Amino acid sequence: RRHPSVLLGGSLSHTLFCCPYLAMSEEGSAPAPAVPELSAHEKNKRSFRKFEFRGVDLERLLVMKEAQVFTMFNSRQRRARARGIKQKHIALTNRLRKVKVNVPVGEKPKCINTHLRNKIITPAMIGSVVGVYNGKVFNQVEVKPEMIGHYLGEFSITYKPVRHGRPGIGATHSSRFIPLK
């Protein structure tokens, strides 16, 4: 795949200048190797869409340093990182990493409960199960690659959504005909 700015007529060198994380290898210094061409048989096979975050595939995201990953996030997340990482956030990431290591293949790791709704989801957290507190209970959230760059609190709603059109007691005259169970 080509970067969108190349498709719009920009040069590849301009693209790499604007998006330096696309040119980094796992070590972060040399350019990434070229992708080999596929044979006719491989092209005909049914392929699933590989997850990419801002043009970087998941395997490269997992080996990148966290500081490199944060350069790809939106400005709000970059600013939160620039202001410093709290010890509680580091401890949560370490607990998730530790629990994920001891899990047999094909099973989900144990749920880790947290009140840190403002923790930004990073690639190291993928595959973990986090119990995010919503003010009343811990809602279990399984972290997926599509959640990278979002906050944990976005996946644990803090209110009960309003259901309009349902009469309640004393709402209208028709409410007195609702059978009480």
C-alpha atoms as a PDB file:
ATOM      1  CA  ARG A   1       0.000   0.000   0.000  1.00  0.00           C
ATOM      2  CA  ARG A   2       1.051   3.527  -0.627  1.00  0.00           C
ATOM      3  CA  HIS A   3       0.717   6.426   1.727  1.00  0.00           C
ATOM      4  CA  PRO A   4      -2.277   8.706   0.954  1.00  0.00           C
ATOM      5  CA  SER A   5      -0.081  11.736   0.247  1.00  0.00           C
ATOM      6  CA  VAL A   6       1.765   9.752  -2.449  1.00  0.00           C
ATOM      7  CA  LEU A   7      -1.574   8.876  -4.038  1.00  0.00           C
ATOM      8  CA  LEU A   8      -2.538  12.547  -4.037  1.00  0.00           C
ATOM      9  CA  GLY A   9       0.531  13.478  -6.035  1.00  0.00           C
ATOM     10  CA  GLY A  10       3.094  14.097  -3.281  1.00  0.00           C
ATOM     11  CA  SER A  11       6.544  12.540  -3.483  1.00  0.00           C
ATOM     12  CA  LEU A  12       7.623   9.647  -1.271  1.00  0.00           C
ATOM     13  CA  SER A  13      10.440  11.736   0.213  1.00  0.00           C
ATOM     14  CA  HIS A  14       7.891  14.402   1.170  1.00  0.00           C
ATOM     15  CA  THR A  15       5.713  11.687   2.721  1.00  0.00           C
ATOM     16  CA  LEU A  16       8.617  10.344   4.773  1.00  0.00           C
ATOM     17  CA  PHE A  17       9.521  13.882   5.827  1.00  0.00           C
ATOM     18  CA  CYS A  18       5.952  14.546   7.033  1.00  0.00           C
ATOM     19  CA  CYS A  19       5.524  11.067   8.565  1.00  0.00           C
ATOM     20  CA  PRO A  20       8.988  10.009   9.819  1.00  0.00           C
ATOM     21  CA  TYR A  21       7.645   6.944  11.632  1.00  0.00           C
ATOM     22  CA  LEU A  22       6.885   5.344   8.237  1.00  0.00           C
ATOM     23  CA  ALA A  23      10.581   5.283   7.367  1.00  0.00           C
ATOM     24  CA  MET A  24      11.801   3.800  10.659  1.00  0.00           C
ATOM     25  CA  SER A  25      12.689   0.156  11.036  1.00  0.00           C
ATOM     26  CA  GLU A  26      12.310  -1.776  14.293  1.00  0.00           C
ATOM     27  CA  GLU A  27      15.526  -0.194  15.617  1.00  0.00           C
ATOM     28  CA  GLY A  28      14.310   3.255  14.559  1.00  0.00           C
ATOM     29  CA  SER A  29      17.319   4.218  12.423  1.00  0.00           C
ATOM     30  CA  ALA A  30      17.364   2.570   8.974  1.00  0.00           C
ATOM     31  CA  PRO A  31      14.540   2.618   6.403  1.00  0.00           C
ATOM     32  CA  ALA A  32      12.163  -0.333   6.399  1.00  0.00           C
ATOM     33  CA  PRO A  33      12.875  -3.155   3.904  1.00  0.00           C
ATOM     34  CA  ALA A  34      10.887  -3.361   0.660  1.00  0.00           C
ATOM     35  CA  VAL A  35       7.854  -5.660   0.515  1.00  0.00           C
ATOM     36  CA  PRO A  36       8.407  -8.744  -1.713  1.00  0.00           C
ATOM     37  CA  GLU A  37       6.129  -9.281  -4.720  1.00  0.00           C
ATOM     38  CA  LEU A  38       3.371 -11.893  -4.370  1.00  0.00           C
ATOM     39  CA  SER A  39       3.039 -14.884  -6.705  1.00  0.00           C
ATOM     40  CA  ALA A  40      -0.148 -15.459  -8.744  1.00  0.00           C
ATOM     41  CA  HIS A  41      -1.295 -18.205  -6.359  1.00  0.00           C
ATOM     42  CA  GLU A  42      -0.866 -15.951  -3.306  1.00  0.00           C
ATOM     43  CA  LYS A  43      -2.805 -13.141  -5.000  1.00  0.00           C
ATOM     44  CA  ASN A  44      -5.786 -15.450  -5.674  1.00  0.00           C
ATOM     45  CA  LYS A  45      -5.979 -16.660  -2.061  1.00  0.00           C
ATOM     46  CA  ARG A  46      -8.575 -14.978   0.105  1.00  0.00           C
ATOM     47  CA  SER A  47      -6.782 -12.458   2.263  1.00  0.00           C
ATOM     48  CA  PHE A  48      -8.020 -10.684   5.331  1.00  0.00           C
ATOM     49  CA  ARG A  49      -7.484  -6.978   5.807  1.00  0.00           C
ATOM     50  CA  LYS A  50      -4.430  -6.439   7.974  1.00  0.00           C
ATOM     51  CA  PHE A  51      -4.791  -3.886  10.730  1.00  0.00           C
ATOM     52  CA  GLU A  52      -2.786  -0.724  10.223  1.00  0.00           C
ATOM     53  CA  PHE A  53      -2.531   2.289  12.500  1.00  0.00           C
ATOM     54  CA  ARG A  54      -1.613   5.418  10.524  1.00  0.00           C
ATOM     55  CA  GLY A  55       0.019   3.274   7.828  1.00  0.00           C
ATOM     56  CA  VAL A  56       2.038   1.089  10.217  1.00  0.00           C
ATOM     57  CA  ASP A  57       1.066  -2.579  10.560  1.00  0.00           C
ATOM     58  CA  LEU A  58       0.492  -4.233  13.936  1.00  0.00           C
ATOM     59  CA  GLU A  59       3.743  -6.248  13.986  1.00  0.00           C
ATOM     60  CA  ARG A  60       5.820  -3.087  13.607  1.00  0.00           C
ATOM     61  CA  LEU A  61       3.714  -1.272  16.217  1.00  0.00           C
ATOM     62  CA  LEU A  62       4.401  -4.000  18.767  1.00  0.00           C
ATOM     63  CA  VAL A  63       8.192  -3.728  18.377  1.00  0.00           C
ATOM     64  CA  MET A  64       8.267   0.078  18.299  1.00  0.00           C
ATOM     65  CA  LYS A  65       9.189   1.988  21.434  1.00  0.00           C
ATOM     66  CA  GLU A  66       6.300   3.689  23.205  1.00  0.00           C
ATOM     67  CA  ALA A  67       7.763   7.142  22.501  1.00  0.00           C
ATOM     68  CA  GLN A  68       7.694   6.396  18.746  1.00  0.00           C
ATOM     69  CA  VAL A  69       4.090   5.189  18.957  1.00  0.00           C
ATOM     70  CA  PHE A  70       3.018   8.372  20.759  1.00  0.00           C
ATOM     71  CA  THR A  71       4.348  10.474  17.858  1.00  0.00           C
ATOM     72  CA  MET A  72       1.551   8.954  15.745  1.00  0.00           C
ATOM     73  CA  PHE A  73      -1.238   9.790  18.200  1.00  0.00           C
ATOM     74  CA  ASN A  74      -3.499  12.840  18.074  1.00  0.00           C
ATOM     75  CA  SER A  75      -2.391  16.082  19.692  1.00  0.00           C
ATOM     76  CA  ARG A  76      -4.429  15.553  22.877  1.00  0.00           C
ATOM     77  CA  GLN A  77      -2.710  12.214  23.546  1.00  0.00           C
ATOM     78  CA  ARG A  78       0.727  13.597  22.608  1.00  0.00           C
ATOM     79  CA  ARG A  79       0.209  16.520  24.987  1.00  0.00           C
ATOM     80  CA  ALA A  80      -0.814  14.203  27.828  1.00  0.00           C
ATOM     81  CA  ARG A  81       2.361  12.177  27.231  1.00  0.00           C
ATOM     82  CA  ALA A  82       4.524  15.312  27.062  1.00  0.00           C
ATOM     83  CA  ARG A  83       3.208  16.453  30.432  1.00  0.00           C
ATOM     84  CA  GLY A  84       4.488  13.206  31.963  1.00  0.00           C
ATOM     85  CA  ILE A  85       3.444   9.632  32.612  1.00  0.00           C
ATOM     86  CA  LYS A  86       1.976   8.888  36.023  1.00  0.00           C
ATOM     87  CA  GLN A  87       3.342   5.956  38.025  1.00  0.00           C
ATOM     88  CA  LYS A  88      -0.150   4.399  38.190  1.00  0.00           C
ATOM     89  CA  HIS A  89      -0.293   4.207  34.384  1.00  0.00           C
ATOM     90  CA  ILE A  90       3.110   2.508  34.224  1.00  0.00           C
ATOM     91  CA  ALA A  91       2.063   0.052  36.938  1.00  0.00           C
ATOM     92  CA  LEU A  92      -1.139  -0.819  35.040  1.00  0.00           C
ATOM     93  CA  THR A  93       0.803  -1.486  31.820  1.00  0.00           C
ATOM     94  CA  ASN A  94       3.271  -3.683  33.715  1.00  0.00           C
ATOM     95  CA  ARG A  95       0.466  -5.659  35.392  1.00  0.00           C
ATOM     96  CA  LEU A  96      -1.259  -6.229  32.041  1.00  0.00           C
ATOM     97  CA  ARG A  97       2.025  -7.354  30.474  1.00  0.00           C
ATOM     98  CA  LYS A  98       2.756  -9.730  33.373  1.00  0.00           C
ATOM     99  CA  VAL A  99      -0.709 -11.331  33.280  1.00  0.00           C
ATOM    100  CA  LYS A 100      -0.538 -11.766  29.491  1.00  0.00           C
ATOM    101  CA  VAL A 101       2.752 -13.700  29.683  1.00  0.00           C
ATOM    102  CA  ASN A 102       1.374 -16.461  31.934  1.00  0.00           C
ATOM    103  CA  VAL A 103      -1.660 -17.284  29.754  1.00  0.00           C
ATOM    104  CA  PRO A 104      -1.927 -20.522  27.717  1.00  0.00           C
ATOM    105  CA  VAL A 105      -2.330 -20.130  23.957  1.00  0.00           C
ATOM    106  CA  GLY A 106      -5.925 -19.462  22.845  1.00  0.00           C
ATOM    107  CA  GLU A 107      -7.200 -18.220  26.221  1.00  0.00           C
ATOM    108  CA  LYS A 108      -7.951 -14.720  27.450  1.00  0.00           C
ATOM    109  CA  PRO A 109      -5.838 -13.310  30.277  1.00  0.00           C
ATOM    110  CA  LYS A 110      -7.236 -12.583  33.726  1.00  0.00           C
ATOM    111  CA  CYS A 111      -9.133  -9.301  34.081  1.00  0.00           C
ATOM    112  CA  ILE A 112      -7.249  -6.452  35.744  1.00  0.00           C
ATOM    113  CA  ASN A 113      -9.534  -3.882  37.402  1.00  0.00           C
ATOM    114  CA  THR A 114      -8.633  -0.200  37.272  1.00  0.00           C
ATOM    115  CA  HIS A 115     -10.031   3.251  37.959  1.00  0.00           C
ATOM    116  CA  LEU A 116      -7.692   4.799  35.355  1.00  0.00           C
ATOM    117  CA  ARG A 117     -10.254   5.887  32.777  1.00  0.00           C
ATOM    118  CA  ASN A 118      -7.729   8.384  31.350  1.00  0.00           C
ATOM    119  CA  LYS A 119      -5.140   5.711  30.422  1.00  0.00           C
ATOM    120  CA  ILE A 120      -4.336   5.870  26.703  1.00  0.00           C
ATOM    121  CA  ILE A 121      -4.429   2.468  25.008  1.00  0.00           C
ATOM    122  CA  THR A 122      -1.043   1.494  23.563  1.00  0.00           C
ATOM    123  CA  PRO A 123      -0.032  -1.501  21.405  1.00  0.00           C
ATOM    124  CA  ALA A 124       1.445  -3.261  24.478  1.00  0.00           C
ATOM    125  CA  MET A 125      -2.073  -3.548  25.929  1.00  0.00           C
ATOM    126  CA  ILE A 126      -3.588  -5.409  22.940  1.00  0.00           C
ATOM    127  CA  GLY A 127      -5.184  -8.717  23.912  1.00  0.00           C
ATOM    128  CA  SER A 128      -5.546  -7.789  27.589  1.00  0.00           C
ATOM    129  CA  VAL A 129      -8.817  -7.722  29.497  1.00  0.00           C
ATOM    130  CA  VAL A 130      -9.273  -4.602  31.634  1.00  0.00           C
ATOM    131  CA  GLY A 131     -12.069  -3.913  34.114  1.00  0.00           C
ATOM    132  CA  VAL A 132     -12.746  -0.172  33.743  1.00  0.00           C
ATOM    133  CA  TYR A 133     -14.642   1.461  36.601  1.00  0.00           C
ATOM    134  CA  ASN A 134     -17.670   3.516  35.549  1.00  0.00           C
ATOM    135  CA  GLY A 135     -18.583   4.852  39.001  1.00  0.00           C
ATOM    136  CA  LYS A 136     -20.620   1.811  39.989  1.00  0.00           C
ATOM    137  CA  VAL A 137     -19.127  -1.396  38.557  1.00  0.00           C
ATOM    138  CA  PHE A 138     -16.051  -2.551  36.623  1.00  0.00           C
ATOM    139  CA  ASN A 139     -16.999  -3.103  32.962  1.00  0.00           C
ATOM    140  CA  GLN A 140     -14.770  -5.656  31.275  1.00  0.00           C
ATOM    141  CA  VAL A 141     -13.092  -4.348  28.136  1.00  0.00           C
ATOM    142  CA  GLU A 142     -11.064  -6.596  25.853  1.00  0.00           C
ATOM    143  CA  VAL A 143      -8.432  -4.392  24.215  1.00  0.00           C
ATOM    144  CA  LYS A 144      -8.382  -4.742  20.413  1.00  0.00           C
ATOM    145  CA  PRO A 145      -6.002  -3.145  17.880  1.00  0.00           C
ATOM    146  CA  GLU A 146      -8.687  -0.685  16.717  1.00  0.00           C
ATOM    147  CA  MET A 147      -8.683   0.871  20.197  1.00  0.00           C
ATOM    148  CA  ILE A 148      -5.082   2.143  19.981  1.00  0.00           C
ATOM    149  CA  GLY A 149      -4.892   5.850  20.794  1.00  0.00           C
ATOM    150  CA  HIS A 150      -8.250   5.953  22.595  1.00  0.00           C
ATOM    151  CA  TYR A 151      -8.826   6.261  26.325  1.00  0.00           C
ATOM    152  CA  LEU A 152      -9.988   3.297  28.448  1.00  0.00           C
ATOM    153  CA  GLY A 153     -12.927   5.376  29.701  1.00  0.00           C
ATOM    154  CA  GLU A 154     -14.398   5.584  26.199  1.00  0.00           C
ATOM    155  CA  PHE A 155     -15.300   1.890  26.389  1.00  0.00           C
ATOM    156  CA  SER A 156     -17.013   1.954  29.805  1.00  0.00           C
ATOM    157  CA  ILE A 157     -20.099   4.186  29.696  1.00  0.00           C
ATOM    158  CA  THR A 158     -20.804   6.085  32.922  1.00  0.00           C
ATOM    159  CA  TYR A 159     -24.536   6.635  32.508  1.00  0.00           C
ATOM    160  CA  LYS A 160     -27.595   4.622  31.590  1.00  0.00           C
ATOM    161  CA  PRO A 161     -28.780   5.780  28.150  1.00  0.00           C
ATOM    162  CA  VAL A 162     -32.230   7.391  28.098  1.00  0.00           C
ATOM    163  CA  ARG A 163     -35.045   5.299  26.617  1.00  0.00           C
ATOM    164  CA  HIS A 164     -37.578   7.769  25.283  1.00  0.00           C
ATOM    165  CA  GLY A 165     -41.257   6.989  24.812  1.00  0.00           C
ATOM    166  CA  ARG A 166     -41.703   4.763  27.839  1.00  0.00           C
ATOM    167  CA  PRO A 167     -44.266   6.160  30.267  1.00  0.00           C
ATOM    168  CA  GLY A 168     -43.289   6.188  33.917  1.00  0.00           C
ATOM    169  CA  ILE A 169     -45.322   6.536  37.059  1.00  0.00           C
ATOM    170  CA  GLY A 170     -46.910   9.993  37.122  1.00  0.00           C
ATOM    171  CA  ALA A 171     -45.625  10.869  33.671  1.00  0.00           C
ATOM    172  CA  THR A 172     -48.979  11.070  31.868  1.00  0.00           C
ATOM    173  CA  HIS A 173     -52.590  10.041  32.284  1.00  0.00           C
ATOM    174  CA  SER A 174     -51.904   6.868  30.344  1.00  0.00           C
ATOM    175  CA  SER A 175     -49.355   5.748  32.920  1.00  0.00           C
ATOM    176  CA  ARG A 176     -52.094   4.699  35.361  1.00  0.00           C
ATOM    177  CA  PHE A 177     -53.085   1.877  32.965  1.00  0.00           C
ATOM    178  CA  ILE A 178     -49.673   0.212  33.107  1.00  0.00           C
ATOM    179  CA  PRO A 179     -50.042  -3.126  34.900  1.00  0.00           C
ATOM    180  CA  LEU A 180     -47.861  -3.374  38.013  1.00  0.00           C
ATOM    181  CA  LYS A 181     -45.904  -6.581  38.195  1.00  0.00           C
END
